[in-house]
Amino acid sequence: MSYDGQTIQVSAKDGIAELVFDAKGQPVNKFDQTTVQELKEAVEAVSGLSGIKGLIVRSAKSTFIVGADIMEFGALFAKDEEVIAGYLDEANAIFSAVEDLPFPTVTAINGTALGGGFEMCLSTDFRVMTKTASVGLPEVKLGIFPGFGGTVRMPRLVGADNAIDVIAAGKTLRPDAALKMGAVDAVGNEGQLLEAAKDILKQADG
C-alpha cells in the first residue's frame, strides 16, 4: 500500500496504480474536505511511484461518489469570500494535478458519480461506467455551480451546448446517453468494469 488514508487508498501492481475511494466506516463515498485533502496526498503518492504506466481510479463501495458532503456547506459558505475562494483554488489545483499526471488515467464508474464525484471522473483521461451507473452535475438544484472544474472540463469533452444543457438543468445521465454524448468512453458489465478500465489503459499506452 503506497497510501492509506481514511477515505482513499493507493496501491500499484505490474505498472498499474490504483487510487481507490473507500471511506472507512461510511456506507458511501462523499467529497468532504477530508477527502479533498487526501486526494492531494494520494496524487502525490502516485506521482512518487516508479515504473507506472497508468492509473485506475475506482470505488471499493457499491457506488462511486455520491457528491459533496452538503452538511459542510453551511459552515463553509458562512466564511468570508476570500476563504471560500481560497478553498476552491486549492481544490481545483488538486484536480488539475490528477489531470496532469504523466501517464494515462481512467476512472471506473460504478453506481452513481454525481457532483464532485463526476468532476473527479472528468479529471482523468478516460471514463468507463457500468450499465447500471449514472453520472451528472446536479449542483444547480442546490443553487450552486460545479466547483471542482466541471464547468471547464465538461464543455471540452462534450461541447458547450451539451455541457450547458446538462449543467444548467442538473441532469443525470444514464450510460447510453453519457456514451452517445461522449461523457464516457465505454460502458460495460459490473463484473467486468476493472478489466475494461485496464483494456483502455493498454490501448492508450500502445
C-alpha atoms as a PDB file:
ATOM      1  CA  MET A   1       0.000   0.000   0.000  1.00  0.00           C
ATOM      2  CA  SER A   2       1.540   3.282  -1.125  1.00  0.00           C
ATOM      3  CA  TYR A   3      -1.018   5.457   0.645  1.00  0.00           C
ATOM      4  CA  ASP A   4      -3.646   4.551   3.236  1.00  0.00           C
ATOM      5  CA  GLY A   5      -5.954   7.363   4.286  1.00  0.00           C
ATOM      6  CA  GLN A   6      -9.366   7.472   5.876  1.00  0.00           C
ATOM      7  CA  THR A   7     -11.130   7.846   2.531  1.00  0.00           C
ATOM      8  CA  ILE A   8      -8.572   6.969  -0.160  1.00  0.00           C
ATOM      9  CA  GLN A   9      -6.025   4.207  -0.635  1.00  0.00           C
ATOM     10  CA  VAL A  10      -3.314   3.869  -3.298  1.00  0.00           C
ATOM     11  CA  SER A  11      -1.548   0.710  -4.416  1.00  0.00           C
ATOM     12  CA  ALA A  12       0.323  -0.455  -7.511  1.00  0.00           C
ATOM     13  CA  LYS A  13       0.929  -3.752  -9.296  1.00  0.00           C
ATOM     14  CA  ASP A  14       2.550  -4.586 -12.627  1.00  0.00           C
ATOM     15  CA  GLY A  15       2.941  -0.948 -13.564  1.00  0.00           C
ATOM     16  CA  ILE A  16      -0.707  -0.042 -12.914  1.00  0.00           C
ATOM     17  CA  ALA A  17      -1.556   2.179  -9.959  1.00  0.00           C
ATOM     18  CA  GLU A  18      -4.988   2.161  -8.354  1.00  0.00           C
ATOM     19  CA  LEU A  19      -6.476   5.087  -6.468  1.00  0.00           C
ATOM     20  CA  VAL A  20      -9.425   3.700  -4.548  1.00  0.00           C
ATOM     21  CA  PHE A  21     -12.130   5.737  -2.838  1.00  0.00           C
ATOM     22  CA  ASP A  22     -13.233   3.819   0.246  1.00  0.00           C
ATOM     23  CA  ALA A  23     -14.349   5.959   3.178  1.00  0.00           C
ATOM     24  CA  LYS A  24     -13.706   3.881   6.285  1.00  0.00           C
ATOM     25  CA  GLY A  25     -16.776   3.307   8.428  1.00  0.00           C
ATOM     26  CA  GLN A  26     -19.076   5.052   5.930  1.00  0.00           C
ATOM     27  CA  PRO A  27     -21.712   3.456   3.664  1.00  0.00           C
ATOM     28  CA  VAL A  28     -20.882   5.718   0.694  1.00  0.00           C
ATOM     29  CA  ASN A  29     -18.064   7.916  -0.557  1.00  0.00           C
ATOM     30  CA  LYS A  30     -18.545  11.693  -0.367  1.00  0.00           C
ATOM     31  CA  PHE A  31     -16.327  14.583  -1.368  1.00  0.00           C
ATOM     32  CA  ASP A  32     -15.892  16.243   2.005  1.00  0.00           C
ATOM     33  CA  GLN A  33     -12.919  18.405   2.960  1.00  0.00           C
ATOM     34  CA  THR A  34     -11.058  15.379   4.335  1.00  0.00           C
ATOM     35  CA  THR A  35     -11.395  13.573   1.014  1.00  0.00           C
ATOM     36  CA  VAL A  36     -10.221  16.616  -0.935  1.00  0.00           C
ATOM     37  CA  GLN A  37      -7.101  16.830   1.233  1.00  0.00           C
ATOM     38  CA  GLU A  38      -6.469  13.096   0.986  1.00  0.00           C
ATOM     39  CA  LEU A  39      -6.835  13.286  -2.794  1.00  0.00           C
ATOM     40  CA  LYS A  40      -3.939  15.743  -2.803  1.00  0.00           C
ATOM     41  CA  GLU A  41      -1.826  13.359  -0.726  1.00  0.00           C
ATOM     42  CA  ALA A  42      -2.875  10.351  -2.813  1.00  0.00           C
ATOM     43  CA  VAL A  43      -1.931  12.042  -6.090  1.00  0.00           C
ATOM     44  CA  GLU A  44       1.431  12.941  -4.594  1.00  0.00           C
ATOM     45  CA  ALA A  45       1.857   9.294  -3.619  1.00  0.00           C
ATOM     46  CA  VAL A  46       1.011   8.154  -7.157  1.00  0.00           C
ATOM     47  CA  SER A  47       3.429  10.699  -8.609  1.00  0.00           C
ATOM     48  CA  GLY A  48       6.185   9.295  -6.410  1.00  0.00           C
ATOM     49  CA  LEU A  49       5.811   5.734  -7.676  1.00  0.00           C
ATOM     50  CA  SER A  50       8.305   4.432 -10.231  1.00  0.00           C
ATOM     51  CA  GLY A  51       7.543   2.425 -13.356  1.00  0.00           C
ATOM     52  CA  ILE A  52       3.864   3.417 -13.506  1.00  0.00           C
ATOM     53  CA  LYS A  53       2.265   3.103 -16.944  1.00  0.00           C
ATOM     54  CA  GLY A  54      -1.291   4.042 -15.987  1.00  0.00           C
ATOM     55  CA  LEU A  55      -3.727   4.835 -13.190  1.00  0.00           C
ATOM     56  CA  ILE A  56      -7.170   3.410 -12.460  1.00  0.00           C
ATOM     57  CA  VAL A  57      -9.470   5.435 -10.203  1.00  0.00           C
ATOM     58  CA  ARG A  58     -12.294   3.384  -8.686  1.00  0.00           C
ATOM     59  CA  SER A  59     -14.510   2.879  -5.666  1.00  0.00           C
ATOM     60  CA  ALA A  60     -14.457  -0.060  -3.274  1.00  0.00           C
ATOM     61  CA  LYS A  61     -18.090   0.587  -2.382  1.00  0.00           C
ATOM     62  CA  SER A  62     -21.294  -0.227  -4.277  1.00  0.00           C
ATOM     63  CA  THR A  63     -21.348   3.273  -5.727  1.00  0.00           C
ATOM     64  CA  PHE A  64     -18.569   5.616  -6.860  1.00  0.00           C
ATOM     65  CA  ILE A  65     -19.022   9.018  -5.162  1.00  0.00           C
ATOM     66  CA  VAL A  66     -22.469  10.424  -4.387  1.00  0.00           C
ATOM     67  CA  GLY A  67     -21.247  14.033  -4.408  1.00  0.00           C
ATOM     68  CA  ALA A  68     -20.113  16.616  -1.904  1.00  0.00           C
ATOM     69  CA  ASP A  69     -20.948  16.423   1.786  1.00  0.00           C
ATOM     70  CA  ILE A  70     -23.725  19.033   1.868  1.00  0.00           C
ATOM     71  CA  MET A  71     -23.589  19.054   5.670  1.00  0.00           C
ATOM     72  CA  GLU A  72     -20.321  21.001   5.346  1.00  0.00           C
ATOM     73  CA  PHE A  73     -21.830  23.697   3.116  1.00  0.00           C
ATOM     74  CA  GLY A  74     -23.285  25.824   5.913  1.00  0.00           C
ATOM     75  CA  ALA A  75     -20.008  26.288   7.746  1.00  0.00           C
ATOM     76  CA  LEU A  76     -18.040  26.792   4.517  1.00  0.00           C
ATOM     77  CA  PHE A  77     -20.416  29.324   2.974  1.00  0.00           C
ATOM     78  CA  ALA A  78     -20.523  31.293   6.230  1.00  0.00           C
ATOM     79  CA  LYS A  79     -16.847  32.149   5.808  1.00  0.00           C
ATOM     80  CA  ASP A  80     -15.512  35.234   4.039  1.00  0.00           C
ATOM     81  CA  GLU A  81     -15.457  35.195   0.246  1.00  0.00           C
ATOM     82  CA  GLU A  82     -11.665  35.131   0.247  1.00  0.00           C
ATOM     83  CA  VAL A  83     -11.640  31.984   2.373  1.00  0.00           C
ATOM     84  CA  ILE A  84     -14.160  30.247   0.108  1.00  0.00           C
ATOM     85  CA  ALA A  85     -12.224  31.294  -2.992  1.00  0.00           C
ATOM     86  CA  GLY A  86      -9.008  30.028  -1.436  1.00  0.00           C
ATOM     87  CA  TYR A  87     -10.558  26.643  -0.694  1.00  0.00           C
ATOM     88  CA  LEU A  88     -11.844  26.338  -4.264  1.00  0.00           C
ATOM     89  CA  ASP A  89      -8.482  27.405  -5.711  1.00  0.00           C
ATOM     90  CA  GLU A  90      -6.705  24.742  -3.687  1.00  0.00           C
ATOM     91  CA  ALA A  91      -9.276  22.084  -4.579  1.00  0.00           C
ATOM     92  CA  ASN A  92      -9.049  22.909  -8.278  1.00  0.00           C
ATOM     93  CA  ALA A  93      -5.267  22.657  -8.116  1.00  0.00           C
ATOM     94  CA  ILE A  94      -5.665  19.125  -6.760  1.00  0.00           C
ATOM     95  CA  PHE A  95      -7.993  18.066  -9.572  1.00  0.00           C
ATOM     96  CA  SER A  96      -5.628  19.665 -12.070  1.00  0.00           C
ATOM     97  CA  ALA A  97      -2.801  17.588 -10.582  1.00  0.00           C
ATOM     98  CA  VAL A  98      -4.815  14.476 -11.415  1.00  0.00           C
ATOM     99  CA  GLU A  99      -5.336  15.773 -14.937  1.00  0.00           C
ATOM    100  CA  ASP A 100      -1.612  16.491 -15.332  1.00  0.00           C
ATOM    101  CA  LEU A 101      -0.301  13.051 -14.344  1.00  0.00           C
ATOM    102  CA  PRO A 102       2.261  11.951 -16.972  1.00  0.00           C
ATOM    103  CA  PHE A 103       0.579   8.645 -17.859  1.00  0.00           C
ATOM    104  CA  PRO A 104      -2.902   7.556 -19.000  1.00  0.00           C
ATOM    105  CA  THR A 105      -5.631   7.673 -16.357  1.00  0.00           C
ATOM    106  CA  VAL A 106      -9.086   6.096 -16.349  1.00  0.00           C
ATOM    107  CA  THR A 107     -11.995   6.158 -13.915  1.00  0.00           C
ATOM    108  CA  ALA A 108     -14.083   3.009 -13.416  1.00  0.00           C
ATOM    109  CA  ILE A 109     -17.569   4.260 -12.524  1.00  0.00           C
ATOM    110  CA  ASN A 110     -19.979   2.046 -10.623  1.00  0.00           C
ATOM    111  CA  GLY A 111     -23.283   3.154  -9.104  1.00  0.00           C
ATOM    112  CA  THR A 112     -23.505   6.937  -9.111  1.00  0.00           C
ATOM    113  CA  ALA A 113     -20.870   9.580  -9.781  1.00  0.00           C
ATOM    114  CA  LEU A 114     -22.520  12.910  -9.079  1.00  0.00           C
ATOM    115  CA  GLY A 115     -21.296  16.441  -8.444  1.00  0.00           C
ATOM    116  CA  GLY A 116     -17.721  16.335  -7.221  1.00  0.00           C
ATOM    117  CA  GLY A 117     -17.730  12.605  -7.908  1.00  0.00           C
ATOM    118  CA  PHE A 118     -18.269  13.175 -11.618  1.00  0.00           C
ATOM    119  CA  GLU A 119     -15.806  16.068 -11.578  1.00  0.00           C
ATOM    120  CA  MET A 120     -13.268  13.532 -10.311  1.00  0.00           C
ATOM    121  CA  CYS A 121     -14.089  11.355 -13.315  1.00  0.00           C
ATOM    122  CA  LEU A 122     -13.720  14.310 -15.671  1.00  0.00           C
ATOM    123  CA  SER A 123     -10.201  14.973 -14.378  1.00  0.00           C
ATOM    124  CA  THR A 124      -8.960  11.629 -15.719  1.00  0.00           C
ATOM    125  CA  ASP A 125      -8.229  10.959 -19.391  1.00  0.00           C
ATOM    126  CA  PHE A 126     -10.878   8.264 -19.832  1.00  0.00           C
ATOM    127  CA  ARG A 127     -14.060   7.003 -18.189  1.00  0.00           C
ATOM    128  CA  VAL A 128     -15.807   3.634 -18.262  1.00  0.00           C
ATOM    129  CA  MET A 129     -19.124   3.025 -16.485  1.00  0.00           C
ATOM    130  CA  THR A 130     -21.349   0.052 -15.764  1.00  0.00           C
ATOM    131  CA  LYS A 131     -24.705  -0.438 -17.453  1.00  0.00           C
ATOM    132  CA  THR A 132     -26.460   0.469 -14.194  1.00  0.00           C
ATOM    133  CA  ALA A 133     -24.376   3.535 -13.312  1.00  0.00           C
ATOM    134  CA  SER A 134     -25.270   7.213 -13.676  1.00  0.00           C
ATOM    135  CA  VAL A 135     -23.259  10.419 -13.864  1.00  0.00           C
ATOM    136  CA  GLY A 136     -24.103  14.106 -13.614  1.00  0.00           C
ATOM    137  CA  LEU A 137     -23.560  17.554 -12.155  1.00  0.00           C
ATOM    138  CA  PRO A 138     -26.778  18.294 -10.229  1.00  0.00           C
ATOM    139  CA  GLU A 139     -25.407  21.154  -8.091  1.00  0.00           C
ATOM    140  CA  VAL A 140     -27.653  23.739  -9.720  1.00  0.00           C
ATOM    141  CA  LYS A 141     -30.574  22.158  -7.886  1.00  0.00           C
ATOM    142  CA  LEU A 142     -28.931  23.352  -4.666  1.00  0.00           C
ATOM    143  CA  GLY A 143     -28.379  26.817  -6.082  1.00  0.00           C
ATOM    144  CA  ILE A 144     -24.655  26.391  -6.790  1.00  0.00           C
ATOM    145  CA  PHE A 145     -22.453  25.537  -9.774  1.00  0.00           C
ATOM    146  CA  PRO A 146     -19.871  22.738 -10.001  1.00  0.00           C
ATOM    147  CA  GLY A 147     -16.806  23.980  -8.134  1.00  0.00           C
ATOM    148  CA  PHE A 148     -14.114  21.411  -8.924  1.00  0.00           C
ATOM    149  CA  GLY A 149     -13.575  22.175 -12.611  1.00  0.00           C
ATOM    150  CA  GLY A 150     -16.674  20.572 -14.097  1.00  0.00           C
ATOM    151  CA  THR A 151     -17.775  23.774 -15.817  1.00  0.00           C
ATOM    152  CA  VAL A 152     -14.496  23.777 -17.760  1.00  0.00           C
ATOM    153  CA  ARG A 153     -13.832  20.079 -18.382  1.00  0.00           C
ATOM    154  CA  MET A 154     -17.390  19.142 -19.366  1.00  0.00           C
ATOM    155  CA  PRO A 155     -17.584  21.577 -22.333  1.00  0.00           C
ATOM    156  CA  ARG A 156     -14.149  20.480 -23.526  1.00  0.00           C
ATOM    157  CA  LEU A 157     -15.331  16.890 -23.507  1.00  0.00           C
ATOM    158  CA  VAL A 158     -18.867  17.057 -24.918  1.00  0.00           C
ATOM    159  CA  GLY A 159     -19.105  20.542 -26.402  1.00  0.00           C
ATOM    160  CA  ALA A 160     -20.560  23.720 -24.964  1.00  0.00           C
ATOM    161  CA  ASP A 161     -24.184  23.068 -25.951  1.00  0.00           C
ATOM    162  CA  ASN A 162     -24.309  19.620 -24.349  1.00  0.00           C
ATOM    163  CA  ALA A 163     -22.460  20.791 -21.251  1.00  0.00           C
ATOM    164  CA  ILE A 164     -24.743  23.787 -20.719  1.00  0.00           C
ATOM    165  CA  ASP A 165     -27.790  21.559 -21.122  1.00  0.00           C
ATOM    166  CA  VAL A 166     -26.520  19.073 -18.528  1.00  0.00           C
ATOM    167  CA  ILE A 167     -25.158  21.581 -16.005  1.00  0.00           C
ATOM    168  CA  ALA A 168     -27.912  24.203 -16.195  1.00  0.00           C
ATOM    169  CA  ALA A 169     -30.646  21.585 -15.812  1.00  0.00           C
ATOM    170  CA  GLY A 170     -28.778  19.490 -13.242  1.00  0.00           C
ATOM    171  CA  LYS A 171     -29.304  16.411 -15.394  1.00  0.00           C
ATOM    172  CA  THR A 172     -28.247  12.898 -14.506  1.00  0.00           C
ATOM    173  CA  LEU A 173     -27.039  10.817 -17.446  1.00  0.00           C
ATOM    174  CA  ARG A 174     -27.623   7.108 -17.860  1.00  0.00           C
ATOM    175  CA  PRO A 175     -24.964   5.032 -19.672  1.00  0.00           C
ATOM    176  CA  ASP A 176     -26.440   5.192 -23.181  1.00  0.00           C
ATOM    177  CA  ALA A 177     -26.832   8.981 -23.066  1.00  0.00           C
ATOM    178  CA  ALA A 178     -23.417   9.508 -21.466  1.00  0.00           C
ATOM    179  CA  LEU A 179     -21.721   7.347 -24.112  1.00  0.00           C
ATOM    180  CA  LYS A 180     -23.547   8.970 -27.026  1.00  0.00           C
ATOM    181  CA  MET A 181     -22.639  12.432 -25.733  1.00  0.00           C
ATOM    182  CA  GLY A 182     -19.016  11.481 -25.182  1.00  0.00           C
ATOM    183  CA  ALA A 183     -19.057  11.977 -21.431  1.00  0.00           C
ATOM    184  CA  VAL A 184     -17.735   8.426 -21.037  1.00  0.00           C
ATOM    185  CA  ASP A 185     -15.637   6.271 -23.348  1.00  0.00           C
ATOM    186  CA  ALA A 186     -17.111   2.833 -22.718  1.00  0.00           C
ATOM    187  CA  VAL A 187     -19.943   1.010 -20.964  1.00  0.00           C
ATOM    188  CA  GLY A 188     -19.533  -2.482 -19.538  1.00  0.00           C
ATOM    189  CA  ASN A 189     -20.947  -5.049 -17.171  1.00  0.00           C
ATOM    190  CA  GLU A 190     -20.481  -4.661 -13.415  1.00  0.00           C
ATOM    191  CA  GLY A 191     -18.174  -7.658 -13.051  1.00  0.00           C
ATOM    192  CA  GLN A 192     -16.008  -6.590 -15.990  1.00  0.00           C
ATOM    193  CA  LEU A 193     -15.524  -2.948 -15.034  1.00  0.00           C
ATOM    194  CA  LEU A 194     -11.949  -3.251 -13.800  1.00  0.00           C
ATOM    195  CA  GLU A 195     -10.882  -5.295 -16.821  1.00  0.00           C
ATOM    196  CA  ALA A 196     -12.492  -2.742 -19.123  1.00  0.00           C
ATOM    197  CA  ALA A 197     -10.520   0.007 -17.404  1.00  0.00           C
ATOM    198  CA  LYS A 198      -7.293  -1.970 -17.818  1.00  0.00           C
ATOM    199  CA  ASP A 199      -8.050  -2.518 -21.501  1.00  0.00           C
ATOM    200  CA  ILE A 200      -8.449   1.222 -22.020  1.00  0.00           C
ATOM    201  CA  LEU A 201      -5.064   1.813 -20.382  1.00  0.00           C
ATOM    202  CA  LYS A 202      -3.438  -0.817 -22.590  1.00  0.00           C
ATOM    203  CA  GLN A 203      -4.855   0.816 -25.705  1.00  0.00           C
ATOM    204  CA  ALA A 204      -3.756   4.254 -24.524  1.00  0.00           C
ATOM    205  CA  ASP A 205      -0.252   3.006 -23.718  1.00  0.00           C
ATOM    206  CA  GLY A 206       0.006   1.227 -27.064  1.00  0.00           C
END
